[in-house]
């Protein structure tokens, strides 16, 4: 099973391990951490190292859209 996180139609992250992509998706939309930690995560990890930007992201599993979420502007 291939899982992906896409932004603006482009695959940013992909994995077939069955667990990392859902966790990262939830991190990116702020579900897994407190607000102050979330801002640091976005600034230092998501934007700087992963290549995400503020806006809509999509979680796909085997080519089918499962969830969408929003990365806020800081």
N, C-alpha and C. Protein backbone atom coordinates (compact mmCIF):
# COMPACT_ATOMS: atom_id res chain seq x y z
N UNK A 1 0.84 -1.17 0.00
CA UNK A 1 0.00 0.00 0.00
C UNK A 1 0.90 1.24 0.00
N UNK A 2 0.69 2.10 -0.96
CA UNK A 2 1.45 3.33 -1.05
C UNK A 2 0.62 4.49 -0.51
N UNK A 3 1.23 5.26 0.37
CA UNK A 3 0.59 6.44 0.94
C UNK A 3 1.40 7.67 0.56
N UNK A 4 0.70 8.77 0.31
CA UNK A 4 1.36 9.99 -0.12
C UNK A 4 0.71 11.20 0.54
N UNK A 5 1.51 12.23 0.70
CA UNK A 5 1.00 13.55 1.04
C UNK A 5 1.34 14.43 -0.15
N UNK A 6 0.30 15.05 -0.71
CA UNK A 6 0.48 15.90 -1.88
C UNK A 6 0.09 17.34 -1.55
N UNK A 7 0.75 18.26 -2.23
CA UNK A 7 0.38 19.66 -2.13
C UNK A 7 0.44 20.25 -3.53
N UNK A 8 -0.64 20.92 -3.92
CA UNK A 8 -0.75 21.52 -5.26
C UNK A 8 -0.54 20.46 -6.34
N UNK A 9 -1.06 19.25 -6.09
CA UNK A 9 -0.97 18.17 -7.06
C UNK A 9 0.36 17.46 -7.13
N UNK A 10 1.34 17.89 -6.35
CA UNK A 10 2.67 17.30 -6.36
C UNK A 10 2.88 16.44 -5.12
N UNK A 11 3.40 15.24 -5.29
CA UNK A 11 3.72 14.39 -4.15
C UNK A 11 4.96 14.94 -3.44
N UNK A 12 4.78 15.26 -2.16
CA UNK A 12 5.88 15.78 -1.35
C UNK A 12 6.51 14.64 -0.55
N UNK A 13 5.68 13.78 0.03
CA UNK A 13 6.16 12.62 0.79
C UNK A 13 5.42 11.37 0.34
N UNK A 14 6.12 10.25 0.36
CA UNK A 14 5.52 8.98 -0.04
C UNK A 14 6.18 7.85 0.75
N UNK A 15 5.38 6.83 1.09
CA UNK A 15 5.92 5.68 1.81
C UNK A 15 4.99 4.49 1.64
N UNK A 16 5.54 3.32 1.83
CA UNK A 16 4.72 2.11 1.84
C UNK A 16 4.85 1.36 3.16
N UNK A 17 5.30 2.07 4.22
CA UNK A 17 5.47 1.41 5.52
C UNK A 17 4.18 1.28 6.32
N UNK A 18 3.11 1.93 5.90
CA UNK A 18 1.81 1.77 6.55
C UNK A 18 1.58 2.60 7.79
N UNK A 19 2.56 3.40 8.24
CA UNK A 19 2.32 4.17 9.46
C UNK A 19 2.87 5.59 9.43
N UNK A 20 3.96 5.86 8.75
CA UNK A 20 4.58 7.18 8.86
C UNK A 20 3.78 8.29 8.20
N UNK A 21 3.18 8.05 7.06
CA UNK A 21 2.47 9.12 6.34
C UNK A 21 1.25 9.62 7.11
N UNK A 22 0.41 8.75 7.70
CA UNK A 22 -0.71 9.28 8.49
C UNK A 22 -0.24 10.12 9.69
N UNK A 23 0.84 9.72 10.33
CA UNK A 23 1.37 10.47 11.47
C UNK A 23 1.88 11.83 11.00
N UNK A 24 2.63 11.85 9.91
CA UNK A 24 3.16 13.11 9.39
C UNK A 24 2.02 14.02 8.94
N UNK A 25 1.01 13.46 8.29
CA UNK A 25 -0.16 14.25 7.88
C UNK A 25 -0.80 14.93 9.09
N UNK A 26 -1.01 14.16 10.15
CA UNK A 26 -1.60 14.73 11.37
C UNK A 26 -0.69 15.78 12.00
N UNK A 27 0.62 15.57 11.95
CA UNK A 27 1.55 16.59 12.42
C UNK A 27 1.39 17.88 11.62
N UNK A 28 1.31 17.73 10.31
CA UNK A 28 1.23 18.90 9.43
C UNK A 28 -0.03 19.72 9.62
N UNK A 29 -1.12 19.07 10.01
CA UNK A 29 -2.36 19.82 10.23
C UNK A 29 -2.58 20.17 11.70
N UNK A 30 -1.61 19.86 12.55
CA UNK A 30 -1.63 20.29 13.94
C UNK A 30 -2.35 19.41 14.93
N UNK A 31 -2.64 18.18 14.57
CA UNK A 31 -3.37 17.29 15.48
C UNK A 31 -2.52 16.67 16.57
N UNK A 32 -1.24 16.53 16.36
CA UNK A 32 -0.41 15.75 17.28
C UNK A 32 0.44 16.57 18.25
N UNK A 33 0.25 17.88 18.28
CA UNK A 33 1.11 18.68 19.16
C UNK A 33 0.43 19.96 19.61
N UNK A 34 1.01 20.56 20.65
CA UNK A 34 0.50 21.82 21.18
C UNK A 34 0.84 22.95 20.22
N UNK A 35 0.11 24.06 20.34
CA UNK A 35 0.23 25.18 19.41
C UNK A 35 1.66 25.72 19.27
N UNK A 36 2.36 25.90 20.39
CA UNK A 36 3.72 26.45 20.31
C UNK A 36 4.68 25.46 19.63
N UNK A 37 4.53 24.16 19.92
CA UNK A 37 5.34 23.14 19.27
C UNK A 37 5.02 23.06 17.79
N UNK A 38 3.74 23.22 17.47
CA UNK A 38 3.28 23.15 16.09
C UNK A 38 3.90 24.25 15.23
N UNK A 39 3.96 25.45 15.73
CA UNK A 39 4.56 26.56 14.99
C UNK A 39 6.04 26.30 14.71
N UNK A 40 6.74 25.77 15.70
CA UNK A 40 8.16 25.45 15.52
C UNK A 40 8.31 24.32 14.50
N UNK A 41 7.48 23.30 14.60
CA UNK A 41 7.51 22.18 13.65
C UNK A 41 7.29 22.68 12.23
N UNK A 42 6.30 23.52 12.03
CA UNK A 42 6.04 24.03 10.68
C UNK A 42 7.24 24.82 10.16
N UNK A 43 7.71 25.75 10.95
CA UNK A 43 8.80 26.62 10.53
C UNK A 43 10.09 25.85 10.25
N UNK A 44 10.47 24.99 11.18
CA UNK A 44 11.79 24.35 11.12
C UNK A 44 11.81 23.02 10.37
N UNK A 45 10.69 22.32 10.32
CA UNK A 45 10.68 21.01 9.68
C UNK A 45 9.87 21.03 8.38
N UNK A 46 8.59 21.33 8.48
CA UNK A 46 7.71 21.23 7.31
C UNK A 46 8.10 22.19 6.20
N UNK A 47 8.31 23.46 6.53
CA UNK A 47 8.63 24.45 5.51
C UNK A 47 10.09 24.36 5.07
N UNK A 48 10.98 24.29 6.02
CA UNK A 48 12.41 24.35 5.72
C UNK A 48 12.95 23.04 5.16
N UNK A 49 12.62 21.92 5.77
CA UNK A 49 13.22 20.64 5.40
C UNK A 49 12.38 19.76 4.47
N UNK A 50 11.07 19.82 4.60
CA UNK A 50 10.22 18.95 3.79
C UNK A 50 9.74 19.60 2.49
N UNK A 51 9.73 20.91 2.44
CA UNK A 51 9.30 21.60 1.23
C UNK A 51 7.83 21.95 1.16
N UNK A 52 7.12 21.86 2.28
CA UNK A 52 5.71 22.25 2.30
C UNK A 52 5.61 23.77 2.41
N UNK A 53 4.43 24.28 2.07
CA UNK A 53 4.12 25.69 2.27
C UNK A 53 2.71 25.77 2.86
N UNK A 54 2.33 26.94 3.30
CA UNK A 54 0.97 27.11 3.82
C UNK A 54 -0.03 26.81 2.71
N UNK A 55 -1.13 26.16 3.09
CA UNK A 55 -2.17 25.83 2.12
C UNK A 55 -2.70 24.43 2.32
N UNK A 56 -3.48 23.98 1.38
CA UNK A 56 -4.13 22.68 1.45
C UNK A 56 -3.15 21.55 1.16
N UNK A 57 -3.27 20.47 1.94
CA UNK A 57 -2.51 19.25 1.68
C UNK A 57 -3.51 18.10 1.60
N UNK A 58 -3.13 17.06 0.86
CA UNK A 58 -4.00 15.90 0.66
C UNK A 58 -3.27 14.62 1.01
N UNK A 59 -4.00 13.71 1.64
CA UNK A 59 -3.46 12.40 2.03
C UNK A 59 -4.09 11.36 1.11
N UNK A 60 -3.25 10.67 0.35
CA UNK A 60 -3.70 9.65 -0.59
C UNK A 60 -3.22 8.28 -0.15
N UNK A 61 -4.05 7.29 -0.42
CA UNK A 61 -3.69 5.90 -0.16
C UNK A 61 -4.00 5.13 -1.43
N UNK A 62 -3.00 4.50 -2.01
CA UNK A 62 -3.14 3.76 -3.28
C UNK A 62 -3.82 4.59 -4.36
N UNK A 63 -3.47 5.87 -4.43
CA UNK A 63 -3.99 6.76 -5.46
C UNK A 63 -5.35 7.37 -5.19
N UNK A 64 -5.97 7.01 -4.07
CA UNK A 64 -7.29 7.55 -3.72
C UNK A 64 -7.17 8.57 -2.59
N UNK A 65 -7.82 9.70 -2.76
CA UNK A 65 -7.81 10.74 -1.74
C UNK A 65 -8.59 10.28 -0.52
N UNK A 66 -7.95 10.31 0.66
CA UNK A 66 -8.61 9.93 1.91
C UNK A 66 -8.98 11.16 2.76
N UNK A 67 -8.06 12.13 2.82
CA UNK A 67 -8.28 13.29 3.69
C UNK A 67 -7.61 14.50 3.07
N UNK A 68 -8.15 15.65 3.40
CA UNK A 68 -7.51 16.92 3.08
C UNK A 68 -7.39 17.71 4.37
N UNK A 69 -6.42 18.58 4.43
CA UNK A 69 -6.21 19.43 5.59
C UNK A 69 -5.52 20.70 5.15
N UNK A 70 -5.36 21.61 6.10
CA UNK A 70 -4.76 22.90 5.79
C UNK A 70 -3.57 23.16 6.72
N UNK A 71 -2.47 23.57 6.10
CA UNK A 71 -1.32 24.07 6.84
C UNK A 71 -1.51 25.58 6.91
N UNK A 72 -1.62 26.16 8.10
CA UNK A 72 -1.88 27.59 8.21
C UNK A 72 -0.66 28.45 7.90
N UNK A 73 -0.93 29.70 7.57
CA UNK A 73 0.16 30.69 7.44
C UNK A 73 0.63 31.03 8.85
N UNK A 74 1.90 31.26 9.01
CA UNK A 74 2.44 31.65 10.32
C UNK A 74 2.59 33.15 10.39
